[in-house]
Amino acid sequence: MADYRKMWHDLGMDLEKHDEFLAPVPTIYGDLFVKQQNRPIAMEYFDFVMSEVYGLRVKELLDMKNDES
């Protein structure tokens, strides 16, 4: 995963609180979804999307906004 800390900082996020908030997410997500028996392999794409929801997707939106200005 890419490092989005500068982007988050530039957006005015409190990085300490953000890190605290996101810290348990991989474990919780893994326990609830990834470890499910008979989980379709195609769900790996969804796992990627979820792993980048606070990073890559935000960057894509910012890039679109910057291209329009």
N, C-alpha and C. Protein backbone atom coordinates (compact mmCIF):
# COMPACT_ATOMS: atom_id res chain seq x y z
N MET A 1 0.85 -1.18 0.00
CA MET A 1 0.00 0.00 0.00
C MET A 1 0.89 1.24 0.00
N ALA A 2 0.49 2.22 -0.73
CA ALA A 2 1.23 3.47 -0.82
C ALA A 2 1.12 4.26 0.48
N ASP A 3 2.01 5.21 0.64
CA ASP A 3 2.00 6.06 1.82
C ASP A 3 1.23 7.34 1.49
N TYR A 4 0.09 7.51 2.12
CA TYR A 4 -0.80 8.65 1.85
C TYR A 4 -0.74 9.70 2.96
N ARG A 5 0.22 9.60 3.86
CA ARG A 5 0.26 10.49 5.02
C ARG A 5 0.36 11.96 4.63
N LYS A 6 1.17 12.27 3.62
CA LYS A 6 1.29 13.68 3.21
C LYS A 6 -0.05 14.18 2.68
N MET A 7 -0.72 13.38 1.88
CA MET A 7 -2.03 13.77 1.35
C MET A 7 -3.01 14.00 2.50
N TRP A 8 -3.05 13.07 3.45
CA TRP A 8 -3.96 13.22 4.58
C TRP A 8 -3.62 14.47 5.38
N HIS A 9 -2.32 14.72 5.59
CA HIS A 9 -1.89 15.92 6.31
C HIS A 9 -2.35 17.17 5.58
N ASP A 10 -2.14 17.19 4.25
CA ASP A 10 -2.54 18.35 3.44
C ASP A 10 -4.05 18.57 3.47
N LEU A 11 -4.81 17.51 3.72
CA LEU A 11 -6.26 17.63 3.83
C LEU A 11 -6.69 18.08 5.22
N GLY A 12 -5.72 18.24 6.11
CA GLY A 12 -6.02 18.73 7.45
C GLY A 12 -6.43 17.65 8.44
N MET A 13 -6.13 16.41 8.12
CA MET A 13 -6.50 15.32 9.02
C MET A 13 -5.57 15.28 10.23
N ASP A 14 -6.12 14.92 11.36
CA ASP A 14 -5.33 14.67 12.55
C ASP A 14 -4.77 13.25 12.39
N LEU A 15 -3.51 13.15 11.99
CA LEU A 15 -2.93 11.85 11.64
C LEU A 15 -2.86 10.90 12.83
N GLU A 16 -2.64 11.44 14.00
CA GLU A 16 -2.58 10.59 15.19
C GLU A 16 -3.94 9.92 15.44
N LYS A 17 -5.01 10.71 15.37
CA LYS A 17 -6.35 10.16 15.57
C LYS A 17 -6.74 9.24 14.42
N HIS A 18 -6.33 9.60 13.21
CA HIS A 18 -6.61 8.77 12.05
C HIS A 18 -5.96 7.39 12.21
N ASP A 19 -4.68 7.38 12.62
CA ASP A 19 -3.98 6.11 12.84
C ASP A 19 -4.66 5.29 13.94
N GLU A 20 -5.06 5.96 14.99
CA GLU A 20 -5.74 5.27 16.09
C GLU A 20 -7.06 4.66 15.61
N PHE A 21 -7.79 5.42 14.82
CA PHE A 21 -9.07 4.94 14.29
C PHE A 21 -8.90 3.73 13.37
N LEU A 22 -7.90 3.79 12.49
CA LEU A 22 -7.73 2.73 11.50
C LEU A 22 -6.96 1.51 12.01
N ALA A 23 -6.26 1.62 13.11
CA ALA A 23 -5.40 0.53 13.60
C ALA A 23 -6.12 -0.82 13.68
N PRO A 24 -7.32 -0.89 14.25
CA PRO A 24 -7.95 -2.22 14.36
C PRO A 24 -8.65 -2.71 13.09
N VAL A 25 -8.78 -1.87 12.09
CA VAL A 25 -9.57 -2.23 10.90
C VAL A 25 -9.05 -3.47 10.18
N PRO A 26 -7.75 -3.61 9.91
CA PRO A 26 -7.31 -4.82 9.20
C PRO A 26 -7.65 -6.12 9.94
N THR A 27 -7.49 -6.13 11.24
CA THR A 27 -7.81 -7.33 12.02
C THR A 27 -9.30 -7.60 11.99
N ILE A 28 -10.09 -6.57 12.22
CA ILE A 28 -11.55 -6.74 12.23
C ILE A 28 -12.04 -7.19 10.85
N TYR A 29 -11.57 -6.52 9.80
CA TYR A 29 -11.98 -6.87 8.44
C TYR A 29 -11.57 -8.31 8.12
N GLY A 30 -10.34 -8.65 8.48
CA GLY A 30 -9.86 -10.01 8.23
C GLY A 30 -10.69 -11.05 8.95
N ASP A 31 -10.97 -10.80 10.22
CA ASP A 31 -11.76 -11.75 11.01
C ASP A 31 -13.19 -11.89 10.49
N LEU A 32 -13.78 -10.77 10.09
CA LEU A 32 -15.18 -10.81 9.65
C LEU A 32 -15.37 -11.31 8.23
N PHE A 33 -14.43 -10.98 7.35
CA PHE A 33 -14.65 -11.27 5.93
C PHE A 33 -13.62 -12.21 5.32
N VAL A 34 -12.36 -11.87 5.42
CA VAL A 34 -11.33 -12.62 4.70
C VAL A 34 -11.26 -14.07 5.16
N LYS A 35 -11.50 -14.33 6.42
CA LYS A 35 -11.38 -15.69 6.95
C LYS A 35 -12.65 -16.52 6.78
N GLN A 36 -13.64 -15.99 6.09
CA GLN A 36 -14.87 -16.75 5.89
C GLN A 36 -14.60 -18.01 5.06
N GLN A 37 -15.22 -19.09 5.48
CA GLN A 37 -15.08 -20.33 4.72
C GLN A 37 -15.81 -20.19 3.39
N ASN A 38 -15.25 -20.78 2.37
CA ASN A 38 -15.84 -20.80 1.03
C ASN A 38 -16.02 -19.41 0.43
N ARG A 39 -15.21 -18.48 0.86
CA ARG A 39 -15.30 -17.11 0.32
C ARG A 39 -14.79 -17.12 -1.12
N PRO A 40 -15.56 -16.58 -2.06
CA PRO A 40 -15.13 -16.58 -3.46
C PRO A 40 -13.81 -15.83 -3.66
N ILE A 41 -12.95 -16.37 -4.48
CA ILE A 41 -11.65 -15.76 -4.77
C ILE A 41 -11.82 -14.37 -5.39
N ALA A 42 -12.92 -14.18 -6.11
CA ALA A 42 -13.17 -12.89 -6.76
C ALA A 42 -13.35 -11.76 -5.75
N MET A 43 -13.56 -12.09 -4.49
CA MET A 43 -13.71 -11.07 -3.46
C MET A 43 -12.38 -10.37 -3.16
N GLU A 44 -11.27 -10.90 -3.67
CA GLU A 44 -9.97 -10.26 -3.48
C GLU A 44 -9.97 -8.84 -4.05
N TYR A 45 -10.69 -8.64 -5.14
CA TYR A 45 -10.80 -7.28 -5.70
C TYR A 45 -11.47 -6.35 -4.69
N PHE A 46 -12.56 -6.80 -4.09
CA PHE A 46 -13.25 -6.01 -3.08
C PHE A 46 -12.33 -5.73 -1.89
N ASP A 47 -11.53 -6.72 -1.50
CA ASP A 47 -10.57 -6.53 -0.40
C ASP A 47 -9.59 -5.40 -0.74
N PHE A 48 -9.12 -5.38 -1.99
CA PHE A 48 -8.22 -4.31 -2.43
C PHE A 48 -8.92 -2.95 -2.35
N VAL A 49 -10.14 -2.88 -2.85
CA VAL A 49 -10.89 -1.62 -2.81
C VAL A 49 -11.04 -1.15 -1.37
N MET A 50 -11.40 -2.04 -0.48
CA MET A 50 -11.57 -1.67 0.93
C MET A 50 -10.25 -1.23 1.55
N SER A 51 -9.14 -1.85 1.15
CA SER A 51 -7.85 -1.49 1.72
C SER A 51 -7.39 -0.10 1.27
N GLU A 52 -7.95 0.38 0.16
CA GLU A 52 -7.53 1.67 -0.40
C GLU A 52 -8.61 2.74 -0.32
N VAL A 53 -9.68 2.48 0.41
CA VAL A 53 -10.80 3.43 0.46
C VAL A 53 -10.38 4.77 1.07
N TYR A 54 -9.42 4.77 1.97
CA TYR A 54 -8.95 6.01 2.58
C TYR A 54 -7.71 6.55 1.91
N GLY A 55 -7.23 5.86 0.90
CA GLY A 55 -5.99 6.25 0.25
C GLY A 55 -6.14 6.50 -1.23
N LEU A 56 -6.07 5.42 -1.99
CA LEU A 56 -6.09 5.55 -3.44
C LEU A 56 -7.34 6.25 -3.95
N ARG A 57 -8.49 5.91 -3.39
CA ARG A 57 -9.74 6.53 -3.87
C ARG A 57 -9.74 8.03 -3.60
N VAL A 58 -9.28 8.44 -2.43
CA VAL A 58 -9.20 9.87 -2.11
C VAL A 58 -8.23 10.55 -3.06
N LYS A 59 -7.09 9.90 -3.32
CA LYS A 59 -6.10 10.46 -4.25
C LYS A 59 -6.71 10.62 -5.64
N GLU A 60 -7.44 9.62 -6.11
CA GLU A 60 -8.08 9.71 -7.43
C GLU A 60 -9.03 10.90 -7.49
N LEU A 61 -9.81 11.11 -6.45
CA LEU A 61 -10.75 12.24 -6.42
C LEU A 61 -10.01 13.57 -6.41
N LEU A 62 -8.95 13.64 -5.63
CA LEU A 62 -8.16 14.88 -5.59
C LEU A 62 -7.50 15.15 -6.94
N ASP A 63 -6.99 14.10 -7.58
CA ASP A 63 -6.38 14.26 -8.90
C ASP A 63 -7.41 14.77 -9.91
N MET A 64 -8.63 14.23 -9.86
CA MET A 64 -9.69 14.69 -10.77
C MET A 64 -10.01 16.16 -10.50
N LYS A 65 -10.10 16.52 -9.23
CA LYS A 65 -10.39 17.91 -8.87
C LYS A 65 -9.30 18.83 -9.37
N ASN A 66 -8.04 18.43 -9.21
CA ASN A 66 -6.92 19.26 -9.66
C ASN A 66 -6.85 19.36 -11.18
N ASP A 67 -7.25 18.31 -11.89
CA ASP A 67 -7.26 18.35 -13.36
C ASP A 67 -8.32 19.32 -13.88
N GLU A 68 -9.40 19.47 -13.13
CA GLU A 68 -10.49 20.35 -13.55
C GLU A 68 -10.18 21.81 -13.31
N SER A 69 -9.25 22.11 -12.40
CA SER A 69 -8.98 23.53 -12.11
C SER A 69 -7.91 24.10 -12.99
